[in-house]
Amino acid sequence: MSPDRLIYMANQIGKFFESQRPDKAVPGIAEHIRKFWDPRMRTAILAHLDAGGSGLDPQVRDAVAALRAARTQP
């Protein structure tokens, strides 16, 4: 799947959570991606974040960063 498509999909998830406070939205976005995205898609969006995360909305960027942090914790 192309990075542009993943960015679009991630931002659409972010739009769903827009009406919630950031302390609820960011974990909600991260949880949705963790639960419903194929591992290859998650790996690709993490790689995109590592490359600068261009195009990701701020809350989505924070959610993907939270996924990254969760992967590195024991």
PDB file of N, CA and C in Angstrom:
ATOM      1  N   MET A   1       0.851  -1.177   0.000  1.00  0.00           N
ATOM      2  CA  MET A   1       0.000   0.000   0.000  1.00  0.00           C
ATOM      3  C   MET A   1       0.896   1.240   0.000  1.00  0.00           C
ATOM      4  N   SER A   2       0.520   2.221  -0.753  1.00  0.00           N
ATOM      5  CA  SER A   2       1.351   3.418  -0.890  1.00  0.00           C
ATOM      6  C   SER A   2       1.321   4.256   0.387  1.00  0.00           C
ATOM      7  N   PRO A   3       2.409   4.972   0.657  1.00  0.00           N
ATOM      8  CA  PRO A   3       2.418   5.851   1.829  1.00  0.00           C
ATOM      9  C   PRO A   3       1.291   6.885   1.783  1.00  0.00           C
ATOM     10  N   ASP A   4       1.000   7.404   0.593  1.00  0.00           N
ATOM     11  CA  ASP A   4      -0.075   8.393   0.483  1.00  0.00           C
ATOM     12  C   ASP A   4      -1.410   7.820   0.933  1.00  0.00           C
ATOM     13  N   ARG A   5      -1.658   6.585   0.587  1.00  0.00           N
ATOM     14  CA  ARG A   5      -2.916   5.939   0.977  1.00  0.00           C
ATOM     15  C   ARG A   5      -2.956   5.723   2.496  1.00  0.00           C
ATOM     16  N   LEU A   6      -1.836   5.301   3.074  1.00  0.00           N
ATOM     17  CA  LEU A   6      -1.771   5.108   4.523  1.00  0.00           C
ATOM     18  C   LEU A   6      -1.965   6.428   5.270  1.00  0.00           C
ATOM     19  N   ILE A   7      -1.362   7.488   4.759  1.00  0.00           N
ATOM     20  CA  ILE A   7      -1.524   8.814   5.368  1.00  0.00           C
ATOM     21  C   ILE A   7      -2.986   9.221   5.322  1.00  0.00           C
ATOM     22  N   TYR A   8      -3.602   9.034   4.164  1.00  0.00           N
ATOM     23  CA  TYR A   8      -5.022   9.373   4.013  1.00  0.00           C
ATOM     24  C   TYR A   8      -5.871   8.589   5.015  1.00  0.00           C
ATOM     25  N   MET A   9      -5.637   7.288   5.089  1.00  0.00           N
ATOM     26  CA  MET A   9      -6.429   6.446   5.989  1.00  0.00           C
ATOM     27  C   MET A   9      -6.217   6.845   7.447  1.00  0.00           C
ATOM     28  N   ALA A  10      -4.971   7.079   7.832  1.00  0.00           N
ATOM     29  CA  ALA A  10      -4.675   7.464   9.211  1.00  0.00           C
ATOM     30  C   ALA A  10      -5.338   8.804   9.546  1.00  0.00           C
ATOM     31  N   ASN A  11      -5.271   9.749   8.629  1.00  0.00           N
ATOM     32  CA  ASN A  11      -5.901  11.051   8.868  1.00  0.00           C
ATOM     33  C   ASN A  11      -7.420  10.940   8.934  1.00  0.00           C
ATOM     34  N   GLN A  12      -8.008  10.014   8.183  1.00  0.00           N
ATOM     35  CA  GLN A  12      -9.455   9.794   8.263  1.00  0.00           C
ATOM     36  C   GLN A  12      -9.832   9.269   9.654  1.00  0.00           C
ATOM     37  N   ILE A  13      -9.030   8.369  10.184  1.00  0.00           N
ATOM     38  CA  ILE A  13      -9.260   7.883  11.547  1.00  0.00           C
ATOM     39  C   ILE A  13      -9.163   9.061  12.513  1.00  0.00           C
ATOM     40  N   GLY A  14      -8.159   9.897  12.314  1.00  0.00           N
ATOM     41  CA  GLY A  14      -8.002  11.088  13.152  1.00  0.00           C
ATOM     42  C   GLY A  14      -9.211  11.999  13.094  1.00  0.00           C
ATOM     43  N   LYS A  15      -9.790  12.166  11.921  1.00  0.00           N
ATOM     44  CA  LYS A  15     -10.980  13.017  11.777  1.00  0.00           C
ATOM     45  C   LYS A  15     -12.152  12.458  12.579  1.00  0.00           C
ATOM     46  N   PHE A  16     -12.266  11.142  12.639  1.00  0.00           N
ATOM     47  CA  PHE A  16     -13.328  10.519  13.428  1.00  0.00           C
ATOM     48  C   PHE A  16     -13.191  10.911  14.899  1.00  0.00           C
ATOM     49  N   PHE A  17     -11.968  10.987  15.383  1.00  0.00           N
ATOM     50  CA  PHE A  17     -11.712  11.274  16.793  1.00  0.00           C
ATOM     51  C   PHE A  17     -11.563  12.767  17.087  1.00  0.00           C
ATOM     52  N   GLU A  18     -11.711  13.628  16.081  1.00  0.00           N
ATOM     53  CA  GLU A  18     -11.519  15.070  16.244  1.00  0.00           C
ATOM     54  C   GLU A  18     -12.363  15.688  17.351  1.00  0.00           C
ATOM     55  N   SER A  19     -13.560  15.208  17.531  1.00  0.00           N
ATOM     56  CA  SER A  19     -14.459  15.824  18.500  1.00  0.00           C
ATOM     57  C   SER A  19     -14.093  15.496  19.948  1.00  0.00           C
ATOM     58  N   GLN A  20     -13.164  14.573  20.130  1.00  0.00           N
ATOM     59  CA  GLN A  20     -12.745  14.205  21.480  1.00  0.00           C
ATOM     60  C   GLN A  20     -11.529  15.025  21.898  1.00  0.00           C
ATOM     61  N   ARG A  21     -11.331  15.135  23.207  1.00  0.00           N
ATOM     62  CA  ARG A  21     -10.148  15.819  23.721  1.00  0.00           C
ATOM     63  C   ARG A  21      -8.899  15.055  23.288  1.00  0.00           C
ATOM     64  N   PRO A  22      -7.779  15.761  23.132  1.00  0.00           N
ATOM     65  CA  PRO A  22      -6.544  15.081  22.702  1.00  0.00           C
ATOM     66  C   PRO A  22      -6.142  13.911  23.606  1.00  0.00           C
ATOM     67  N   ASP A  23      -6.411  14.019  24.912  1.00  0.00           N
ATOM     68  CA  ASP A  23      -6.031  12.923  25.811  1.00  0.00           C
ATOM     69  C   ASP A  23      -6.874  11.672  25.581  1.00  0.00           C
ATOM     70  N   LYS A  24      -7.970  11.802  24.871  1.00  0.00           N
ATOM     71  CA  LYS A  24      -8.787  10.651  24.478  1.00  0.00           C
ATOM     72  C   LYS A  24      -8.571  10.289  23.005  1.00  0.00           C
ATOM     73  N   ALA A  25      -8.404  11.309  22.180  1.00  0.00           N
ATOM     74  CA  ALA A  25      -8.295  11.087  20.738  1.00  0.00           C
ATOM     75  C   ALA A  25      -7.019  10.343  20.363  1.00  0.00           C
ATOM     76  N   VAL A  26      -5.889  10.786  20.886  1.00  0.00           N
ATOM     77  CA  VAL A  26      -4.611  10.170  20.504  1.00  0.00           C
ATOM     78  C   VAL A  26      -4.584   8.679  20.852  1.00  0.00           C
ATOM     79  N   PRO A  27      -4.947   8.291  22.088  1.00  0.00           N
ATOM     80  CA  PRO A  27      -4.984   6.849  22.374  1.00  0.00           C
ATOM     81  C   PRO A  27      -6.019   6.104  21.522  1.00  0.00           C
ATOM     82  N   GLY A  28      -7.132   6.762  21.215  1.00  0.00           N
ATOM     83  CA  GLY A  28      -8.155   6.127  20.383  1.00  0.00           C
ATOM     84  C   GLY A  28      -7.660   5.853  18.975  1.00  0.00           C
ATOM     85  N   ILE A  29      -6.961   6.822  18.403  1.00  0.00           N
ATOM     86  CA  ILE A  29      -6.391   6.641  17.064  1.00  0.00           C
ATOM     87  C   ILE A  29      -5.366   5.515  17.088  1.00  0.00           C
ATOM     88  N   ALA A  30      -4.486   5.547  18.073  1.00  0.00           N
ATOM     89  CA  ALA A  30      -3.441   4.515  18.179  1.00  0.00           C
ATOM     90  C   ALA A  30      -4.062   3.130  18.337  1.00  0.00           C
ATOM     91  N   GLU A  31      -5.072   3.037  19.177  1.00  0.00           N
ATOM     92  CA  GLU A  31      -5.719   1.742  19.414  1.00  0.00           C
ATOM     93  C   GLU A  31      -6.387   1.227  18.142  1.00  0.00           C
ATOM     94  N   HIS A  32      -7.040   2.111  17.410  1.00  0.00           N
ATOM     95  CA  HIS A  32      -7.693   1.695  16.157  1.00  0.00           C
ATOM     96  C   HIS A  32      -6.657   1.143  15.176  1.00  0.00           C
ATOM     97  N   ILE A  33      -5.553   1.872  15.009  1.00  0.00           N
ATOM     98  CA  ILE A  33      -4.511   1.411  14.090  1.00  0.00           C
ATOM     99  C   ILE A  33      -3.937   0.084  14.569  1.00  0.00           C
ATOM    100  N   ARG A  34      -3.686  -0.034  15.870  1.00  0.00           N
ATOM    101  CA  ARG A  34      -3.128  -1.268  16.420  1.00  0.00           C
ATOM    102  C   ARG A  34      -4.057  -2.456  16.188  1.00  0.00           C
ATOM    103  N   LYS A  35      -5.354  -2.241  16.398  1.00  0.00           N
ATOM    104  CA  LYS A  35      -6.321  -3.336  16.287  1.00  0.00           C
ATOM    105  C   LYS A  35      -6.650  -3.732  14.855  1.00  0.00           C
ATOM    106  N   PHE A  36      -6.787  -2.744  13.984  1.00  0.00           N
ATOM    107  CA  PHE A  36      -7.390  -3.015  12.683  1.00  0.00           C
ATOM    108  C   PHE A  36      -6.447  -2.950  11.487  1.00  0.00           C
ATOM    109  N   TRP A  37      -5.262  -2.432  11.671  1.00  0.00           N
ATOM    110  CA  TRP A  37      -4.327  -2.368  10.552  1.00  0.00           C
ATOM    111  C   TRP A  37      -3.463  -3.615  10.527  1.00  0.00           C
ATOM    112  N   ASP A  38      -3.214  -4.098   9.344  1.00  0.00           N
ATOM    113  CA  ASP A  38      -2.305  -5.209   9.113  1.00  0.00           C
ATOM    114  C   ASP A  38      -0.908  -4.817   9.633  1.00  0.00           C
ATOM    115  N   PRO A  39      -0.157  -5.771  10.167  1.00  0.00           N
ATOM    116  CA  PRO A  39       1.196  -5.439  10.657  1.00  0.00           C
ATOM    117  C   PRO A  39       2.074  -4.742   9.614  1.00  0.00           C
ATOM    118  N   ARG A  40       1.919  -5.096   8.353  1.00  0.00           N
ATOM    119  CA  ARG A  40       2.708  -4.428   7.302  1.00  0.00           C
ATOM    120  C   ARG A  40       2.321  -2.962   7.174  1.00  0.00           C
ATOM    121  N   MET A  41       1.039  -2.665   7.341  1.00  0.00           N
ATOM    122  CA  MET A  41       0.582  -1.274   7.282  1.00  0.00           C
ATOM    123  C   MET A  41       1.136  -0.489   8.465  1.00  0.00           C
ATOM    124  N   ARG A  42       1.095  -1.102   9.658  1.00  0.00           N
ATOM    125  CA  ARG A  42       1.643  -0.431  10.852  1.00  0.00           C
ATOM    126  C   ARG A  42       3.135  -0.172  10.677  1.00  0.00           C
ATOM    127  N   THR A  43       3.860  -1.156  10.170  1.00  0.00           N
ATOM    128  CA  THR A  43       5.295  -0.984   9.944  1.00  0.00           C
ATOM    129  C   THR A  43       5.543   0.152   8.963  1.00  0.00           C
ATOM    130  N   ALA A  44       4.742   0.228   7.923  1.00  0.00           N
ATOM    131  CA  ALA A  44       4.912   1.271   6.905  1.00  0.00           C
ATOM    132  C   ALA A  44       4.616   2.657   7.463  1.00  0.00           C
ATOM    133  N   ILE A  45       3.578   2.794   8.288  1.00  0.00           N
ATOM    134  CA  ILE A  45       3.263   4.127   8.832  1.00  0.00           C
ATOM    135  C   ILE A  45       4.313   4.532   9.860  1.00  0.00           C
ATOM    136  N   LEU A  46       4.871   3.574  10.595  1.00  0.00           N
ATOM    137  CA  LEU A  46       5.963   3.883  11.517  1.00  0.00           C
ATOM    138  C   LEU A  46       7.206   4.328  10.747  1.00  0.00           C
ATOM    139  N   ALA A  47       7.476   3.673   9.634  1.00  0.00           N
ATOM    140  CA  ALA A  47       8.612   4.075   8.798  1.00  0.00           C
ATOM    141  C   ALA A  47       8.392   5.477   8.242  1.00  0.00           C
ATOM    142  N   HIS A  48       7.161   5.777   7.881  1.00  0.00           N
ATOM    143  CA  HIS A  48       6.847   7.120   7.380  1.00  0.00           C
ATOM    144  C   HIS A  48       7.074   8.152   8.480  1.00  0.00           C
ATOM    145  N   LEU A  49       6.668   7.841   9.698  1.00  0.00           N
ATOM    146  CA  LEU A  49       6.905   8.748  10.821  1.00  0.00           C
ATOM    147  C   LEU A  49       8.408   8.951  11.012  1.00  0.00           C
ATOM    148  N   ASP A  50       9.167   7.871  10.948  1.00  0.00           N
ATOM    149  CA  ASP A  50      10.621   7.955  11.102  1.00  0.00           C
ATOM    150  C   ASP A  50      11.263   8.825  10.017  1.00  0.00           C
ATOM    151  N   ALA A  51      10.626   8.872   8.854  1.00  0.00           N
ATOM    152  CA  ALA A  51      11.132   9.678   7.742  1.00  0.00           C
ATOM    153  C   ALA A  51      10.632  11.122   7.802  1.00  0.00           C
ATOM    154  N   GLY A  52       9.962  11.487   8.896  1.00  0.00           N
ATOM    155  CA  GLY A  52       9.497  12.863   9.063  1.00  0.00           C
ATOM    156  C   GLY A  52       8.001  12.998   9.240  1.00  0.00           C
ATOM    157  N   GLY A  53       7.239  12.008   8.805  1.00  0.00           N
ATOM    158  CA  GLY A  53       5.794  12.022   9.019  1.00  0.00           C
ATOM    159  C   GLY A  53       5.030  13.056   8.215  1.00  0.00           C
ATOM    160  N   SER A  54       5.576  13.474   7.105  1.00  0.00           N
ATOM    161  CA  SER A  54       4.929  14.473   6.267  1.00  0.00           C
ATOM    162  C   SER A  54       3.487  14.080   5.934  1.00  0.00           C
ATOM    163  N   GLY A  55       2.576  15.038   6.094  1.00  0.00           N
ATOM    164  CA  GLY A  55       1.178  14.821   5.730  1.00  0.00           C
ATOM    165  C   GLY A  55       0.296  14.299   6.842  1.00  0.00           C
ATOM    166  N   LEU A  56       0.894  13.820   7.925  1.00  0.00           N
ATOM    167  CA  LEU A  56       0.075  13.320   9.037  1.00  0.00           C
ATOM    168  C   LEU A  56      -0.426  14.494   9.869  1.00  0.00           C
ATOM    169  N   ASP A  57      -1.703  14.460  10.200  1.00  0.00           N
ATOM    170  CA  ASP A  57      -2.262  15.474  11.096  1.00  0.00           C
ATOM    171  C   ASP A  57      -1.591  15.356  12.456  1.00  0.00           C
ATOM    172  N   PRO A  58      -1.519  16.452  13.226  1.00  0.00           N
ATOM    173  CA  PRO A  58      -0.793  16.430  14.503  1.00  0.00           C
ATOM    174  C   PRO A  58      -1.216  15.322  15.475  1.00  0.00           C
ATOM    175  N   GLN A  59      -2.521  15.123  15.665  1.00  0.00           N
ATOM    176  CA  GLN A  59      -2.959  14.075  16.593  1.00  0.00           C
ATOM    177  C   GLN A  59      -2.631  12.690  16.050  1.00  0.00           C
ATOM    178  N   VAL A  60      -2.685  12.529  14.749  1.00  0.00           N
ATOM    179  CA  VAL A  60      -2.339  11.252  14.134  1.00  0.00           C
ATOM    180  C   VAL A  60      -0.848  10.992  14.305  1.00  0.00           C
ATOM    181  N   ARG A  61      -0.055  12.022  14.112  1.00  0.00           N
ATOM    182  CA  ARG A  61       1.398  11.899  14.310  1.00  0.00           C
ATOM    183  C   ARG A  61       1.685  11.456  15.754  1.00  0.00           C
ATOM    184  N   ASP A  62       0.997  12.082  16.720  1.00  0.00           N
ATOM    185  CA  ASP A  62       1.173  11.707  18.125  1.00  0.00           C
ATOM    186  C   ASP A  62       0.746  10.262  18.375  1.00  0.00           C
ATOM    187  N   ALA A  63      -0.330   9.838  17.735  1.00  0.00           N
ATOM    188  CA  ALA A  63      -0.821   8.468  17.907  1.00  0.00           C
ATOM    189  C   ALA A  63       0.162   7.456  17.335  1.00  0.00           C
ATOM    190  N   VAL A  64       0.718   7.749  16.171  1.00  0.00           N
ATOM    191  CA  VAL A  64       1.692   6.841  15.568  1.00  0.00           C
ATOM    192  C   VAL A  64       2.955   6.800  16.430  1.00  0.00           C
ATOM    193  N   ALA A  65       3.350   7.937  16.981  1.00  0.00           N
ATOM    194  CA  ALA A  65       4.495   7.963  17.894  1.00  0.00           C
ATOM    195  C   ALA A  65       4.209   7.129  19.139  1.00  0.00           C
ATOM    196  N   ALA A  66       2.957   7.166  19.619  1.00  0.00           N
ATOM    197  CA  ALA A  66       2.576   6.340  20.774  1.00  0.00           C
ATOM    198  C   ALA A  66       2.666   4.849  20.429  1.00  0.00           C
ATOM    199  N   LEU A  67       2.293   4.504  19.203  1.00  0.00           N
ATOM    200  CA  LEU A  67       2.445   3.111  18.757  1.00  0.00           C
ATOM    201  C   LEU A  67       3.909   2.711  18.771  1.00  0.00           C
ATOM    202  N   ARG A  68       4.751   3.606  18.302  1.00  0.00           N
ATOM    203  CA  ARG A  68       6.193   3.349  18.289  1.00  0.00           C
ATOM    204  C   ARG A  68       6.677   3.100  19.711  1.00  0.00           C
ATOM    205  N   ALA A  69       6.265   3.942  20.650  1.00  0.00           N
ATOM    206  CA  ALA A  69       6.692   3.815  22.044  1.00  0.00           C
ATOM    207  C   ALA A  69       6.193   2.506  22.651  1.00  0.00           C
ATOM    208  N   ALA A  70       4.975   2.121  22.316  1.00  0.00           N
ATOM    209  CA  ALA A  70       4.397   0.888  22.857  1.00  0.00           C
ATOM    210  C   ALA A  70       5.135  -0.335  22.336  1.00  0.00           C
ATOM    211  N   ARG A  71       5.636  -0.266  21.120  1.00  0.00           N
ATOM    212  CA  ARG A  71       6.375  -1.399  20.535  1.00  0.00           C
ATOM    213  C   ARG A  71       7.737  -1.602  21.203  1.00  0.00           C
ATOM    214  N   THR A  72       8.296  -0.522  21.743  1.00  0.00           N
ATOM    215  CA  THR A  72       9.634  -0.612  22.318  1.00  0.00           C
ATOM    216  C   THR A  72       9.620  -0.873  23.814  1.00  0.00           C
ATOM    217  N   GLN A  73       8.443  -0.829  24.426  1.00  0.00           N
ATOM    218  CA  GLN A  73       8.358  -1.098  25.856  1.00  0.00           C
ATOM    219  C   GLN A  73       8.324  -2.600  26.114  1.00  0.00           C
ATOM    220  N   PRO A  74       8.928  -3.041  27.236  1.00  0.00           N
ATOM    221  CA  PRO A  74       8.909  -4.495  27.539  1.00  0.00           C
ATOM    222  C   PRO A  74       7.541  -5.014  27.863  1.00  0.00           C
TER     223      PRO A  74
END
